[in-house]
Amino acid sequence: MKIKFIGRRYEIPETLKKRVERRVSKLQKLLGEVLNVEVVCSLEKYRHTAEVMVKGGIFEFRAKETTNNMLTSLNSAFDIVENQVKRGKDKRRDKKKAKLTETRSQSESIAPRIRYSKDYSDKPLTLEEAIIELESLKKDVLVYRTPSDNKINVVYKKGDVYFLVEPEW
């Protein structure tokens, strides 16, 4: 981390530099890593202007504040930068949440829908009778019992082909 101090018509005292270093350490905790910090202090008549620029890998925050006291100007500028950092973090968090909910909704829409059906016959049927019943009901699936051994079978139609499912239990 580099802190660069620039004074324009103003000599920056050591106490102010130490205060800036403490504020930058707070920013570093918020950001994780701060690469370059530039603090520009200027004085024109009674106006004390402090400009803070925090630059990192993918971010850059700037604030400029003018008051009648340099310490107040620096504190206000650092407060503005901290608010910018917090807003940026909130935006990133909100984008992540939105992306997460979007992927969840997409995965939920891909999940199979279950529909309950009453496509079964109470009376025992042979295979031929089940196919005739399937055609008369104009359905694609029919569950029925066989008359000989009372087993449950399923007949379904795909295109023009009929399929028979005989469970082995």
C-alpha atoms as a PDB file:
ATOM      1  CA  MET A   1       0.000   0.000   0.000  1.00  0.00           C
ATOM      2  CA  LYS A   2       1.314   3.416  -0.999  1.00  0.00           C
ATOM      3  CA  ILE A   3       0.152   6.712   0.435  1.00  0.00           C
ATOM      4  CA  LYS A   4       1.174   9.779  -1.511  1.00  0.00           C
ATOM      5  CA  PHE A   5       0.791  13.210   0.090  1.00  0.00           C
ATOM      6  CA  ILE A   6       0.675  16.334  -2.050  1.00  0.00           C
ATOM      7  CA  GLY A   7       0.485  19.797  -0.504  1.00  0.00           C
ATOM      8  CA  ARG A   8      -0.482  22.786  -2.628  1.00  0.00           C
ATOM      9  CA  ARG A   9       0.337  26.002  -0.792  1.00  0.00           C
ATOM     10  CA  TYR A  10       0.060  23.910   2.353  1.00  0.00           C
ATOM     11  CA  GLU A  11       2.675  22.049   4.400  1.00  0.00           C
ATOM     12  CA  ILE A  12       1.108  18.775   5.648  1.00  0.00           C
ATOM     13  CA  PRO A  13       1.976  18.199   9.341  1.00  0.00           C
ATOM     14  CA  GLU A  14       2.936  14.733  10.657  1.00  0.00           C
ATOM     15  CA  THR A  15      -0.161  14.541  12.875  1.00  0.00           C
ATOM     16  CA  LEU A  16      -2.355  14.877   9.793  1.00  0.00           C
ATOM     17  CA  LYS A  17      -0.327  12.201   7.990  1.00  0.00           C
ATOM     18  CA  LYS A  18      -0.804   9.781  10.887  1.00  0.00           C
ATOM     19  CA  ARG A  19      -4.545  10.501  10.916  1.00  0.00           C
ATOM     20  CA  VAL A  20      -4.685   9.757   7.186  1.00  0.00           C
ATOM     21  CA  GLU A  21      -2.808   6.472   7.700  1.00  0.00           C
ATOM     22  CA  ARG A  22      -5.369   5.380  10.318  1.00  0.00           C
ATOM     23  CA  ARG A  23      -8.263   6.208   7.993  1.00  0.00           C
ATOM     24  CA  VAL A  24      -6.577   4.334   5.138  1.00  0.00           C
ATOM     25  CA  SER A  25      -6.176   1.269   7.371  1.00  0.00           C
ATOM     26  CA  LYS A  26      -9.950   1.375   7.975  1.00  0.00           C
ATOM     27  CA  LEU A  27     -10.493   1.509   4.209  1.00  0.00           C
ATOM     28  CA  GLN A  28      -8.123  -1.383   3.752  1.00  0.00           C
ATOM     29  CA  LYS A  29     -10.236  -3.472   6.131  1.00  0.00           C
ATOM     30  CA  LEU A  30     -13.334  -2.649   4.086  1.00  0.00           C
ATOM     31  CA  LEU A  31     -11.764  -3.252   0.678  1.00  0.00           C
ATOM     32  CA  GLY A  32      -9.382  -6.044   1.518  1.00  0.00           C
ATOM     33  CA  GLU A  33      -6.538  -4.593  -0.510  1.00  0.00           C
ATOM     34  CA  VAL A  34      -5.728  -0.979  -1.316  1.00  0.00           C
ATOM     35  CA  LEU A  35      -2.921  -0.367  -3.777  1.00  0.00           C
ATOM     36  CA  ASN A  36      -2.528   3.412  -4.040  1.00  0.00           C
ATOM     37  CA  VAL A  37      -3.876   6.312  -2.000  1.00  0.00           C
ATOM     38  CA  GLU A  38      -3.283   9.886  -3.005  1.00  0.00           C
ATOM     39  CA  VAL A  39      -4.115  12.757  -0.646  1.00  0.00           C
ATOM     40  CA  VAL A  40      -4.009  16.297  -1.997  1.00  0.00           C
ATOM     41  CA  CYS A  41      -4.277  19.166   0.507  1.00  0.00           C
ATOM     42  CA  SER A  42      -4.533  22.695  -0.810  1.00  0.00           C
ATOM     43  CA  LEU A  43      -5.078  26.089   0.753  1.00  0.00           C
ATOM     44  CA  GLU A  44      -6.593  29.153  -0.935  1.00  0.00           C
ATOM     45  CA  LYS A  45      -7.314  32.102   1.341  1.00  0.00           C
ATOM     46  CA  TYR A  46      -9.569  30.596   4.017  1.00  0.00           C
ATOM     47  CA  ARG A  47     -10.618  27.494   2.018  1.00  0.00           C
ATOM     48  CA  HIS A  48      -8.953  24.232   3.043  1.00  0.00           C
ATOM     49  CA  THR A  49      -9.528  21.623   0.339  1.00  0.00           C
ATOM     50  CA  ALA A  50      -8.781  17.935   0.775  1.00  0.00           C
ATOM     51  CA  GLU A  51      -8.964  15.500  -2.127  1.00  0.00           C
ATOM     52  CA  VAL A  52      -8.678  11.727  -1.532  1.00  0.00           C
ATOM     53  CA  MET A  53      -8.164   9.209  -4.338  1.00  0.00           C
ATOM     54  CA  VAL A  54      -8.120   5.488  -3.573  1.00  0.00           C
ATOM     55  CA  LYS A  55      -7.057   3.267  -6.476  1.00  0.00           C
ATOM     56  CA  GLY A  56      -6.973  -0.495  -6.615  1.00  0.00           C
ATOM     57  CA  GLY A  57      -6.991  -3.256  -9.175  1.00  0.00           C
ATOM     58  CA  ILE A  58     -10.565  -2.847 -10.429  1.00  0.00           C
ATOM     59  CA  PHE A  59     -11.807   0.100  -8.401  1.00  0.00           C
ATOM     60  CA  GLU A  60     -11.198   3.813  -8.001  1.00  0.00           C
ATOM     61  CA  PHE A  61     -12.870   6.060  -5.448  1.00  0.00           C
ATOM     62  CA  ARG A  62     -12.527   9.847  -5.277  1.00  0.00           C
ATOM     63  CA  ALA A  63     -13.770  12.539  -2.915  1.00  0.00           C
ATOM     64  CA  LYS A  64     -13.112  16.247  -2.629  1.00  0.00           C
ATOM     65  CA  GLU A  65     -14.202  18.393   0.290  1.00  0.00           C
ATOM     66  CA  THR A  66     -13.678  22.072   1.145  1.00  0.00           C
ATOM     67  CA  THR A  67     -14.125  23.619   4.612  1.00  0.00           C
ATOM     68  CA  ASN A  68     -12.379  26.204   6.761  1.00  0.00           C
ATOM     69  CA  ASN A  69     -10.304  23.518   8.572  1.00  0.00           C
ATOM     70  CA  MET A  70      -8.012  20.938   6.922  1.00  0.00           C
ATOM     71  CA  LEU A  71      -8.750  18.174   9.460  1.00  0.00           C
ATOM     72  CA  THR A  72     -12.491  18.562   8.907  1.00  0.00           C
ATOM     73  CA  SER A  73     -12.003  18.525   5.147  1.00  0.00           C
ATOM     74  CA  LEU A  74      -9.943  15.318   5.306  1.00  0.00           C
ATOM     75  CA  ASN A  75     -12.419  13.585   7.608  1.00  0.00           C
ATOM     76  CA  SER A  76     -15.338  14.539   5.353  1.00  0.00           C
ATOM     77  CA  ALA A  77     -13.491  13.348   2.251  1.00  0.00           C
ATOM     78  CA  PHE A  78     -12.664  10.003   3.880  1.00  0.00           C
ATOM     79  CA  ASP A  79     -16.286   9.635   5.024  1.00  0.00           C
ATOM     80  CA  ILE A  80     -17.420  10.128   1.426  1.00  0.00           C
ATOM     81  CA  VAL A  81     -14.936   7.509   0.181  1.00  0.00           C
ATOM     82  CA  GLU A  82     -16.086   5.044   2.870  1.00  0.00           C
ATOM     83  CA  ASN A  83     -19.711   5.548   1.798  1.00  0.00           C
ATOM     84  CA  GLN A  84     -18.723   4.936  -1.821  1.00  0.00           C
ATOM     85  CA  VAL A  85     -16.956   1.721  -0.830  1.00  0.00           C
ATOM     86  CA  LYS A  86     -19.958   0.502   1.177  1.00  0.00           C
ATOM     87  CA  ARG A  87     -22.365   1.302  -1.650  1.00  0.00           C
ATOM     88  CA  GLY A  88     -20.118  -0.546  -4.103  1.00  0.00           C
ATOM     89  CA  LYS A  89     -20.028  -3.574  -1.838  1.00  0.00           C
ATOM     90  CA  ASP A  90     -23.820  -3.485  -1.447  1.00  0.00           C
ATOM     91  CA  LYS A  91     -24.245  -3.293  -5.222  1.00  0.00           C
ATOM     92  CA  ARG A  92     -21.970  -6.282  -5.754  1.00  0.00           C
ATOM     93  CA  ARG A  93     -23.795  -8.240  -3.036  1.00  0.00           C
ATOM     94  CA  ASP A  94     -27.178  -7.379  -4.554  1.00  0.00           C
ATOM     95  CA  LYS A  95     -25.985  -8.440  -8.011  1.00  0.00           C
ATOM     96  CA  LYS A  96     -24.771 -11.741  -6.605  1.00  0.00           C
ATOM     97  CA  LYS A  97     -28.104 -12.306  -4.852  1.00  0.00           C
ATOM     98  CA  ALA A  98     -30.019 -11.447  -8.022  1.00  0.00           C
ATOM     99  CA  LYS A  99     -27.853 -13.803 -10.044  1.00  0.00           C
ATOM    100  CA  LEU A 100     -28.288 -16.550  -7.446  1.00  0.00           C
ATOM    101  CA  THR A 101     -32.072 -16.184  -7.363  1.00  0.00           C
ATOM    102  CA  GLU A 102     -32.106 -16.120 -11.176  1.00  0.00           C
ATOM    103  CA  THR A 103     -30.197 -19.393 -11.374  1.00  0.00           C
ATOM    104  CA  ARG A 104     -32.464 -20.866  -8.699  1.00  0.00           C
ATOM    105  CA  SER A 105     -35.575 -19.865 -10.626  1.00  0.00           C
ATOM    106  CA  GLN A 106     -34.086 -21.322 -13.806  1.00  0.00           C
ATOM    107  CA  SER A 107     -33.260 -24.589 -12.046  1.00  0.00           C
ATOM    108  CA  GLU A 108     -36.752 -24.687 -10.558  1.00  0.00           C
ATOM    109  CA  SER A 109     -38.275 -24.163 -13.991  1.00  0.00           C
ATOM    110  CA  ILE A 110     -36.161 -27.043 -15.321  1.00  0.00           C
ATOM    111  CA  ALA A 111     -37.342 -29.334 -12.509  1.00  0.00           C
ATOM    112  CA  PRO A 112     -40.028 -31.793 -13.642  1.00  0.00           C
ATOM    113  CA  ARG A 113     -43.616 -30.955 -12.895  1.00  0.00           C
ATOM    114  CA  ILE A 114     -45.673 -33.666 -11.307  1.00  0.00           C
ATOM    115  CA  ARG A 115     -49.249 -34.052 -12.410  1.00  0.00           C
ATOM    116  CA  TYR A 116     -51.503 -36.594 -10.824  1.00  0.00           C
ATOM    117  CA  SER A 117     -53.599 -38.670 -13.134  1.00  0.00           C
ATOM    118  CA  LYS A 118     -56.567 -40.958 -12.731  1.00  0.00           C
ATOM    119  CA  ASP A 119     -55.781 -42.914 -15.890  1.00  0.00           C
ATOM    120  CA  TYR A 120     -56.336 -46.380 -14.520  1.00  0.00           C
ATOM    121  CA  SER A 121     -58.927 -49.052 -14.848  1.00  0.00           C
ATOM    122  CA  ASP A 122     -60.682 -50.585 -11.827  1.00  0.00           C
ATOM    123  CA  LYS A 123     -61.702 -53.734 -13.631  1.00  0.00           C
ATOM    124  CA  PRO A 124     -59.178 -56.368 -14.759  1.00  0.00           C
ATOM    125  CA  LEU A 125     -58.289 -56.116 -18.471  1.00  0.00           C
ATOM    126  CA  THR A 126     -56.311 -58.069 -20.994  1.00  0.00           C
ATOM    127  CA  LEU A 127     -53.680 -56.304 -23.066  1.00  0.00           C
ATOM    128  CA  GLU A 128     -55.992 -55.990 -26.081  1.00  0.00           C
ATOM    129  CA  GLU A 129     -58.809 -54.592 -23.915  1.00  0.00           C
ATOM    130  CA  ALA A 130     -56.370 -52.112 -22.330  1.00  0.00           C
ATOM    131  CA  ILE A 131     -55.302 -50.842 -25.758  1.00  0.00           C
ATOM    132  CA  ILE A 132     -58.944 -50.448 -26.826  1.00  0.00           C
ATOM    133  CA  GLU A 133     -59.684 -48.584 -23.570  1.00  0.00           C
ATOM    134  CA  LEU A 134     -56.619 -46.378 -24.139  1.00  0.00           C
ATOM    135  CA  GLU A 135     -57.873 -45.483 -27.604  1.00  0.00           C
ATOM    136  CA  SER A 136     -61.425 -44.811 -26.426  1.00  0.00           C
ATOM    137  CA  LEU A 137     -60.261 -42.520 -23.602  1.00  0.00           C
ATOM    138  CA  LYS A 138     -57.867 -40.741 -26.013  1.00  0.00           C
ATOM    139  CA  LYS A 139     -55.096 -40.871 -23.403  1.00  0.00           C
ATOM    140  CA  ASP A 140     -51.410 -41.716 -23.703  1.00  0.00           C
ATOM    141  CA  VAL A 141     -51.093 -43.881 -20.558  1.00  0.00           C
ATOM    142  CA  LEU A 142     -53.299 -46.466 -18.856  1.00  0.00           C
ATOM    143  CA  VAL A 143     -52.663 -48.448 -15.686  1.00  0.00           C
ATOM    144  CA  TYR A 144     -54.635 -51.697 -15.343  1.00  0.00           C
ATOM    145  CA  ARG A 145     -54.713 -55.094 -13.597  1.00  0.00           C
ATOM    146  CA  THR A 146     -54.477 -58.388 -15.441  1.00  0.00           C
ATOM    147  CA  PRO A 147     -57.367 -60.822 -14.908  1.00  0.00           C
ATOM    148  CA  SER A 148     -55.198 -63.950 -14.579  1.00  0.00           C
ATOM    149  CA  ASP A 149     -52.691 -63.013 -11.824  1.00  0.00           C
ATOM    150  CA  ASN A 150     -53.988 -59.567 -10.688  1.00  0.00           C
ATOM    151  CA  LYS A 151     -50.644 -57.881 -11.510  1.00  0.00           C
ATOM    152  CA  ILE A 152     -50.528 -54.187 -12.289  1.00  0.00           C
ATOM    153  CA  ASN A 153     -49.361 -53.273 -15.793  1.00  0.00           C
ATOM    154  CA  VAL A 154     -48.934 -50.028 -17.679  1.00  0.00           C
ATOM    155  CA  VAL A 155     -49.654 -49.438 -21.359  1.00  0.00           C
ATOM    156  CA  TYR A 156     -48.568 -46.212 -23.001  1.00  0.00           C
ATOM    157  CA  LYS A 157     -48.517 -44.861 -26.513  1.00  0.00           C
ATOM    158  CA  LYS A 158     -45.711 -42.950 -28.202  1.00  0.00           C
ATOM    159  CA  GLY A 159     -46.578 -41.942 -31.725  1.00  0.00           C
ATOM    160  CA  ASP A 160     -48.152 -45.021 -33.324  1.00  0.00           C
ATOM    161  CA  VAL A 161     -46.358 -47.535 -31.089  1.00  0.00           C
ATOM    162  CA  TYR A 162     -47.775 -49.049 -27.874  1.00  0.00           C
ATOM    163  CA  PHE A 163     -45.466 -49.992 -25.007  1.00  0.00           C
ATOM    164  CA  LEU A 164     -46.206 -52.394 -22.169  1.00  0.00           C
ATOM    165  CA  VAL A 165     -44.577 -52.136 -18.737  1.00  0.00           C
ATOM    166  CA  GLU A 166     -44.830 -55.243 -16.556  1.00  0.00           C
ATOM    167  CA  PRO A 167     -43.281 -54.764 -13.102  1.00  0.00           C
ATOM    168  CA  GLU A 168     -41.479 -57.794 -11.650  1.00  0.00           C
ATOM    169  CA  TRP A 169     -42.712 -57.618  -8.067  1.00  0.00           C
END
